[in-house]
Amino acid sequence: ETALANGDVDLYVGTYSITDKRKKLVDF
């Protein structure tokens, strides 16, 4: 989440489970 929020990466593709908690921090 930090890497995406800070713009360190543009996308993240790595067994990243979609959860309601994470959807408050990143989009999927």
PDB file of all heavy atoms in Angstrom:
ATOM      1  N   GLU A   1       0.826  -1.212   0.000  1.00  0.00           N
ATOM      2  CA  GLU A   1       0.000   0.000   0.000  1.00  0.00           C
ATOM      3  C   GLU A   1       0.858   1.258   0.000  1.00  0.00           C
ATOM      4  O   GLU A   1       0.564   2.231  -0.704  1.00  0.00           O
ATOM      5  CB  GLU A   1      -0.933   0.004   1.214  1.00  0.00           C
ATOM      6  CG  GLU A   1      -2.063  -1.001   1.150  1.00  0.00           C
ATOM      7  CD  GLU A   1      -1.669  -2.394   1.573  1.00  0.00           C
ATOM      8  OE1 GLU A   1      -0.571  -2.561   2.157  1.00  0.00           O
ATOM      9  OE2 GLU A   1      -2.439  -3.334   1.331  1.00  0.00           O
ATOM     10  N   THR A   2       1.923   1.248   0.779  1.00  0.00           N
ATOM     11  CA  THR A   2       2.812   2.407   0.848  1.00  0.00           C
ATOM     12  C   THR A   2       3.485   2.661  -0.492  1.00  0.00           C
ATOM     13  O   THR A   2       3.596   3.819  -0.929  1.00  0.00           O
ATOM     14  CB  THR A   2       3.889   2.186   1.933  1.00  0.00           C
ATOM     15  OG1 THR A   2       3.245   1.979   3.191  1.00  0.00           O
ATOM     16  CG2 THR A   2       4.813   3.387   2.034  1.00  0.00           C
ATOM     17  N   ALA A   3       3.926   1.606  -1.156  1.00  0.00           N
ATOM     18  CA  ALA A   3       4.599   1.750  -2.450  1.00  0.00           C
ATOM     19  C   ALA A   3       3.673   2.357  -3.489  1.00  0.00           C
ATOM     20  O   ALA A   3       4.091   3.207  -4.292  1.00  0.00           O
ATOM     21  CB  ALA A   3       5.128   0.398  -2.923  1.00  0.00           C
ATOM     22  N   LEU A   4       2.408   1.955  -3.483  1.00  0.00           N
ATOM     23  CA  LEU A   4       1.445   2.519  -4.431  1.00  0.00           C
ATOM     24  C   LEU A   4       1.090   3.959  -4.072  1.00  0.00           C
ATOM     25  O   LEU A   4       1.042   4.835  -4.939  1.00  0.00           O
ATOM     26  CB  LEU A   4       0.179   1.657  -4.466  1.00  0.00           C
ATOM     27  CG  LEU A   4       0.322   0.301  -5.162  1.00  0.00           C
ATOM     28  CD1 LEU A   4      -0.868  -0.593  -4.837  1.00  0.00           C
ATOM     29  CD2 LEU A   4       0.439   0.485  -6.673  1.00  0.00           C
ATOM     30  N   ALA A   5       0.858   4.212  -2.791  1.00  0.00           N
ATOM     31  CA  ALA A   5       0.479   5.559  -2.351  1.00  0.00           C
ATOM     32  C   ALA A   5       1.595   6.568  -2.622  1.00  0.00           C
ATOM     33  O   ALA A   5       1.327   7.724  -2.997  1.00  0.00           O
ATOM     34  CB  ALA A   5       0.123   5.545  -0.870  1.00  0.00           C
ATOM     35  N   ASN A   6       2.844   6.145  -2.428  1.00  0.00           N
ATOM     36  CA  ASN A   6       3.986   7.044  -2.627  1.00  0.00           C
ATOM     37  C   ASN A   6       4.413   7.171  -4.083  1.00  0.00           C
ATOM     38  O   ASN A   6       5.313   7.967  -4.394  1.00  0.00           O
ATOM     39  CB  ASN A   6       5.186   6.557  -1.806  1.00  0.00           C
ATOM     40  CG  ASN A   6       4.966   6.709  -0.313  1.00  0.00           C
ATOM     41  OD1 ASN A   6       4.047   7.396   0.123  1.00  0.00           O
ATOM     42  ND2 ASN A   6       5.816   6.068   0.476  1.00  0.00           N
ATOM     43  N   GLY A   7       3.824   6.366  -4.958  1.00  0.00           N
ATOM     44  CA  GLY A   7       4.204   6.418  -6.362  1.00  0.00           C
ATOM     45  C   GLY A   7       5.506   5.701  -6.664  1.00  0.00           C
ATOM     46  O   GLY A   7       6.117   5.936  -7.715  1.00  0.00           O
ATOM     47  N   ASP A   8       5.927   4.803  -5.765  1.00  0.00           N
ATOM     48  CA  ASP A   8       7.135   4.019  -6.030  1.00  0.00           C
ATOM     49  C   ASP A   8       6.906   3.031  -7.162  1.00  0.00           C
ATOM     50  O   ASP A   8       7.843   2.658  -7.873  1.00  0.00           O
ATOM     51  CB  ASP A   8       7.576   3.259  -4.770  1.00  0.00           C
ATOM     52  CG  ASP A   8       7.929   4.194  -3.629  1.00  0.00           C
ATOM     53  OD1 ASP A   8       8.392   5.314  -3.912  1.00  0.00           O
ATOM     54  OD2 ASP A   8       7.739   3.808  -2.456  1.00  0.00           O
ATOM     55  N   VAL A   9       5.667   2.553  -7.293  1.00  0.00           N
ATOM     56  CA  VAL A   9       5.276   1.700  -8.410  1.00  0.00           C
ATOM     57  C   VAL A   9       3.953   2.215  -8.963  1.00  0.00           C
ATOM     58  O   VAL A   9       3.172   2.857  -8.255  1.00  0.00           O
ATOM     59  CB  VAL A   9       5.130   0.220  -7.998  1.00  0.00           C
ATOM     60  CG1 VAL A   9       6.488  -0.369  -7.611  1.00  0.00           C
ATOM     61  CG2 VAL A   9       4.137   0.046  -6.859  1.00  0.00           C
ATOM     62  N   ASP A  10       3.707   1.927 -10.242  1.00  0.00           N
ATOM     63  CA  ASP A  10       2.465   2.344 -10.891  1.00  0.00           C
ATOM     64  C   ASP A  10       1.360   1.308 -10.698  1.00  0.00           C
ATOM     65  O   ASP A  10       0.194   1.664 -10.557  1.00  0.00           O
ATOM     66  CB  ASP A  10       2.708   2.562 -12.388  1.00  0.00           C
ATOM     67  CG  ASP A  10       3.810   3.574 -12.651  1.00  0.00           C
ATOM     68  OD1 ASP A  10       3.703   4.702 -12.123  1.00  0.00           O
ATOM     69  OD2 ASP A  10       4.776   3.243 -13.364  1.00  0.00           O
ATOM     70  N   LEU A  11       1.749   0.036 -10.700  1.00  0.00           N
ATOM     71  CA  LEU A  11       0.822  -1.065 -10.480  1.00  0.00           C
ATOM     72  C   LEU A  11       1.485  -2.069  -9.546  1.00  0.00           C
ATOM     73  O   LEU A  11       2.704  -2.092  -9.425  1.00  0.00           O
ATOM     74  CB  LEU A  11       0.463  -1.782 -11.794  1.00  0.00           C
ATOM     75  CG  LEU A  11      -0.205  -0.986 -12.902  1.00  0.00           C
ATOM     76  CD1 LEU A  11      -0.358  -1.859 -14.144  1.00  0.00           C
ATOM     77  CD2 LEU A  11      -1.555  -0.445 -12.461  1.00  0.00           C
ATOM     78  N   TYR A  12       0.662  -2.903  -8.921  1.00  0.00           N
ATOM     79  CA  TYR A  12       1.200  -4.022  -8.158  1.00  0.00           C
ATOM     80  C   TYR A  12       0.469  -5.288  -8.585  1.00  0.00           C
ATOM     81  O   TYR A  12      -0.753  -5.358  -8.497  1.00  0.00           O
ATOM     82  CB  TYR A  12       1.043  -3.830  -6.643  1.00  0.00           C
ATOM     83  CG  TYR A  12       1.843  -4.856  -5.863  1.00  0.00           C
ATOM     84  CD1 TYR A  12       3.115  -4.563  -5.398  1.00  0.00           C
ATOM     85  CD2 TYR A  12       1.348  -6.141  -5.660  1.00  0.00           C
ATOM     86  CE1 TYR A  12       3.876  -5.519  -4.738  1.00  0.00           C
ATOM     87  CE2 TYR A  12       2.100  -7.096  -5.001  1.00  0.00           C
ATOM     88  CZ  TYR A  12       3.359  -6.778  -4.540  1.00  0.00           C
ATOM     89  OH  TYR A  12       4.113  -7.727  -3.908  1.00  0.00           O
ATOM     90  N   VAL A  13       1.243  -6.269  -9.054  1.00  0.00           N
ATOM     91  CA  VAL A  13       0.675  -7.539  -9.501  1.00  0.00           C
ATOM     92  C   VAL A  13       1.461  -8.655  -8.825  1.00  0.00           C
ATOM     93  O   VAL A  13       2.502  -9.074  -9.324  1.00  0.00           O
ATOM     94  CB  VAL A  13       0.729  -7.696 -11.032  1.00  0.00           C
ATOM     95  CG1 VAL A  13      -0.041  -8.947 -11.468  1.00  0.00           C
ATOM     96  CG2 VAL A  13       0.168  -6.462 -11.734  1.00  0.00           C
ATOM     97  N   GLY A  14       0.963  -9.107  -7.669  1.00  0.00           N
ATOM     98  CA  GLY A  14       1.723 -10.100  -6.927  1.00  0.00           C
ATOM     99  C   GLY A  14       0.891 -10.764  -5.848  1.00  0.00           C
ATOM    100  O   GLY A  14       1.049 -10.445  -4.669  1.00  0.00           O
ATOM    101  N   THR A  15       0.005 -11.676  -6.235  1.00  0.00           N
ATOM    102  CA  THR A  15      -0.863 -12.401  -5.291  1.00  0.00           C
ATOM    103  C   THR A  15      -1.434 -11.436  -4.247  1.00  0.00           C
ATOM    104  O   THR A  15      -1.367 -11.682  -3.043  1.00  0.00           O
ATOM    105  CB  THR A  15      -0.121 -13.568  -4.616  1.00  0.00           C
ATOM    106  OG1 THR A  15       1.014 -13.079  -3.885  1.00  0.00           O
ATOM    107  CG2 THR A  15       0.364 -14.581  -5.647  1.00  0.00           C
ATOM    108  N   TYR A  16      -2.024 -10.346  -4.717  1.00  0.00           N
ATOM    109  CA  TYR A  16      -2.509  -9.256  -3.876  1.00  0.00           C
ATOM    110  C   TYR A  16      -4.013  -9.426  -3.692  1.00  0.00           C
ATOM    111  O   TYR A  16      -4.808  -9.084  -4.567  1.00  0.00           O
ATOM    112  CB  TYR A  16      -2.194  -7.934  -4.577  1.00  0.00           C
ATOM    113  CG  TYR A  16      -2.224  -6.692  -3.723  1.00  0.00           C
ATOM    114  CD1 TYR A  16      -2.406  -6.732  -2.356  1.00  0.00           C
ATOM    115  CD2 TYR A  16      -2.044  -5.443  -4.320  1.00  0.00           C
ATOM    116  CE1 TYR A  16      -2.419  -5.578  -1.597  1.00  0.00           C
ATOM    117  CE2 TYR A  16      -2.041  -4.283  -3.578  1.00  0.00           C
ATOM    118  CZ  TYR A  16      -2.237  -4.349  -2.222  1.00  0.00           C
ATOM    119  OH  TYR A  16      -2.249  -3.191  -1.473  1.00  0.00           O
ATOM    120  N   SER A  17      -4.428  -9.952  -2.542  1.00  0.00           N
ATOM    121  CA  SER A  17      -5.841 -10.249  -2.305  1.00  0.00           C
ATOM    122  C   SER A  17      -6.649  -8.967  -2.107  1.00  0.00           C
ATOM    123  O   SER A  17      -6.257  -8.073  -1.353  1.00  0.00           O
ATOM    124  CB  SER A  17      -5.995 -11.148  -1.072  1.00  0.00           C
ATOM    125  OG  SER A  17      -5.400 -12.407  -1.288  1.00  0.00           O
ATOM    126  N   ILE A  18      -7.784  -8.906  -2.791  1.00  0.00           N
ATOM    127  CA  ILE A  18      -8.691  -7.765  -2.667  1.00  0.00           C
ATOM    128  C   ILE A  18      -9.481  -7.921  -1.370  1.00  0.00           C
ATOM    129  O   ILE A  18     -10.158  -8.930  -1.164  1.00  0.00           O
ATOM    130  CB  ILE A  18      -9.661  -7.705  -3.860  1.00  0.00           C
ATOM    131  CG1 ILE A  18      -8.899  -7.599  -5.182  1.00  0.00           C
ATOM    132  CG2 ILE A  18     -10.627  -6.540  -3.705  1.00  0.00           C
ATOM    133  CD1 ILE A  18      -9.775  -7.776  -6.413  1.00  0.00           C
ATOM    134  N   THR A  19      -9.390  -6.931  -0.495  1.00  0.00           N
ATOM    135  CA  THR A  19     -10.180  -6.925   0.740  1.00  0.00           C
ATOM    136  C   THR A  19     -10.795  -5.547   0.937  1.00  0.00           C
ATOM    137  O   THR A  19     -10.305  -4.549   0.390  1.00  0.00           O
ATOM    138  CB  THR A  19      -9.313  -7.253   1.977  1.00  0.00           C
ATOM    139  OG1 THR A  19      -8.379  -6.177   2.196  1.00  0.00           O
ATOM    140  CG2 THR A  19      -8.545  -8.560   1.792  1.00  0.00           C
ATOM    141  N   ASP A  20     -11.871  -5.488   1.714  1.00  0.00           N
ATOM    142  CA  ASP A  20     -12.521  -4.199   1.972  1.00  0.00           C
ATOM    143  C   ASP A  20     -11.565  -3.240   2.682  1.00  0.00           C
ATOM    144  O   ASP A  20     -11.573  -2.030   2.419  1.00  0.00           O
ATOM    145  CB  ASP A  20     -13.776  -4.413   2.813  1.00  0.00           C
ATOM    146  CG  ASP A  20     -14.902  -5.077   2.025  1.00  0.00           C
ATOM    147  OD1 ASP A  20     -14.859  -5.033   0.783  1.00  0.00           O
ATOM    148  OD2 ASP A  20     -15.805  -5.656   2.653  1.00  0.00           O
ATOM    149  N   LYS A  21     -10.751  -3.770   3.583  1.00  0.00           N
ATOM    150  CA  LYS A  21      -9.791  -2.936   4.306  1.00  0.00           C
ATOM    151  C   LYS A  21      -8.778  -2.316   3.346  1.00  0.00           C
ATOM    152  O   LYS A  21      -8.479  -1.117   3.422  1.00  0.00           O
ATOM    153  CB  LYS A  21      -9.075  -3.778   5.363  1.00  0.00           C
ATOM    154  CG  LYS A  21      -8.066  -3.003   6.201  1.00  0.00           C
ATOM    155  CD  LYS A  21      -7.424  -3.912   7.246  1.00  0.00           C
ATOM    156  CE  LYS A  21      -6.394  -3.154   8.074  1.00  0.00           C
ATOM    157  NZ  LYS A  21      -5.757  -4.036   9.095  1.00  0.00           N
ATOM    158  N   ARG A  22      -8.266  -3.102   2.426  1.00  0.00           N
ATOM    159  CA  ARG A  22      -7.276  -2.586   1.477  1.00  0.00           C
ATOM    160  C   ARG A  22      -7.900  -1.622   0.475  1.00  0.00           C
ATOM    161  O   ARG A  22      -7.228  -0.699  -0.006  1.00  0.00           O
ATOM    162  CB  ARG A  22      -6.600  -3.754   0.750  1.00  0.00           C
ATOM    163  CG  ARG A  22      -5.640  -4.529   1.647  1.00  0.00           C
ATOM    164  CD  ARG A  22      -5.100  -5.752   0.951  1.00  0.00           C
ATOM    165  NE  ARG A  22      -4.145  -6.456   1.807  1.00  0.00           N
ATOM    166  CZ  ARG A  22      -3.778  -7.714   1.642  1.00  0.00           C
ATOM    167  NH1 ARG A  22      -4.288  -8.427   0.639  1.00  0.00           N
ATOM    168  NH2 ARG A  22      -2.906  -8.269   2.461  1.00  0.00           N
ATOM    169  N   LYS A  23      -9.186  -1.816   0.153  1.00  0.00           N
ATOM    170  CA  LYS A  23      -9.849  -0.936  -0.816  1.00  0.00           C
ATOM    171  C   LYS A  23     -10.008   0.482  -0.276  1.00  0.00           C
ATOM    172  O   LYS A  23     -10.323   1.401  -1.025  1.00  0.00           O
ATOM    173  CB  LYS A  23     -11.200  -1.523  -1.212  1.00  0.00           C
ATOM    174  CG  LYS A  23     -11.066  -2.677  -2.212  1.00  0.00           C
ATOM    175  CD  LYS A  23     -12.313  -3.529  -2.295  1.00  0.00           C
ATOM    176  CE  LYS A  23     -13.480  -2.828  -2.884  1.00  0.00           C
ATOM    177  NZ  LYS A  23     -14.631  -3.748  -3.078  1.00  0.00           N
ATOM    178  N   LYS A  24      -9.782   0.666   1.012  1.00  0.00           N
ATOM    179  CA  LYS A  24      -9.778   2.018   1.577  1.00  0.00           C
ATOM    180  C   LYS A  24      -8.438   2.711   1.333  1.00  0.00           C
ATOM    181  O   LYS A  24      -8.323   3.927   1.518  1.00  0.00           O
ATOM    182  CB  LYS A  24     -10.059   1.959   3.077  1.00  0.00           C
ATOM    183  CG  LYS A  24     -11.452   1.429   3.420  1.00  0.00           C
ATOM    184  CD  LYS A  24     -11.638   1.318   4.925  1.00  0.00           C
ATOM    185  CE  LYS A  24     -13.020   0.757   5.271  1.00  0.00           C
ATOM    186  NZ  LYS A  24     -13.202   0.595   6.745  1.00  0.00           N
ATOM    187  N   LEU A  25      -7.427   1.936   0.944  1.00  0.00           N
ATOM    188  CA  LEU A  25      -6.074   2.464   0.778  1.00  0.00           C
ATOM    189  C   LEU A  25      -5.603   2.468  -0.671  1.00  0.00           C
ATOM    190  O   LEU A  25      -4.803   3.329  -1.062  1.00  0.00           O
ATOM    191  CB  LEU A  25      -5.096   1.636   1.620  1.00  0.00           C
ATOM    192  CG  LEU A  25      -5.381   1.564   3.116  1.00  0.00           C
ATOM    193  CD1 LEU A  25      -4.446   0.573   3.795  1.00  0.00           C
ATOM    194  CD2 LEU A  25      -5.246   2.950   3.755  1.00  0.00           C
ATOM    195  N   VAL A  26      -6.066   1.500  -1.456  1.00  0.00           N
ATOM    196  CA  VAL A  26      -5.677   1.397  -2.861  1.00  0.00           C
ATOM    197  C   VAL A  26      -6.887   0.972  -3.681  1.00  0.00           C
ATOM    198  O   VAL A  26      -7.895   0.503  -3.132  1.00  0.00           O
ATOM    199  CB  VAL A  26      -4.527   0.378  -3.080  1.00  0.00           C
ATOM    200  CG1 VAL A  26      -3.286   0.773  -2.307  1.00  0.00           C
ATOM    201  CG2 VAL A  26      -4.969  -1.027  -2.691  1.00  0.00           C
ATOM    202  N   ASP A  27      -6.796   1.140  -4.985  1.00  0.00           N
ATOM    203  CA  ASP A  27      -7.817   0.622  -5.897  1.00  0.00           C
ATOM    204  C   ASP A  27      -7.337  -0.701  -6.494  1.00  0.00           C
ATOM    205  O   ASP A  27      -6.133  -0.949  -6.592  1.00  0.00           O
ATOM    206  CB  ASP A  27      -8.093   1.628  -7.025  1.00  0.00           C
ATOM    207  CG  ASP A  27      -9.187   2.617  -6.653  1.00  0.00           C
ATOM    208  OD1 ASP A  27      -9.758   2.487  -5.560  1.00  0.00           O
ATOM    209  OD2 ASP A  27      -9.460   3.526  -7.458  1.00  0.00           O
ATOM    210  N   PHE A  28      -8.308  -1.515  -6.910  1.00  0.00           N
ATOM    211  CA  PHE A  28      -7.998  -2.811  -7.507  1.00  0.00           C
ATOM    212  C   PHE A  28      -8.755  -2.992  -8.815  1.00  0.00           C
ATOM    213  O   PHE A  28      -9.964  -2.746  -8.874  1.00  0.00           O
ATOM    214  CB  PHE A  28      -8.425  -3.964  -6.592  1.00  0.00           C
ATOM    215  CG  PHE A  28      -7.578  -4.152  -5.370  1.00  0.00           C
ATOM    216  CD1 PHE A  28      -7.996  -3.661  -4.140  1.00  0.00           C
ATOM    217  CD2 PHE A  28      -6.379  -4.844  -5.435  1.00  0.00           C
ATOM    218  CE1 PHE A  28      -7.237  -3.850  -2.996  1.00  0.00           C
ATOM    219  CE2 PHE A  28      -5.609  -5.039  -4.295  1.00  0.00           C
ATOM    220  CZ  PHE A  28      -6.037  -4.538  -3.076  1.00  0.00           C
TER     221      PHE A  28
END
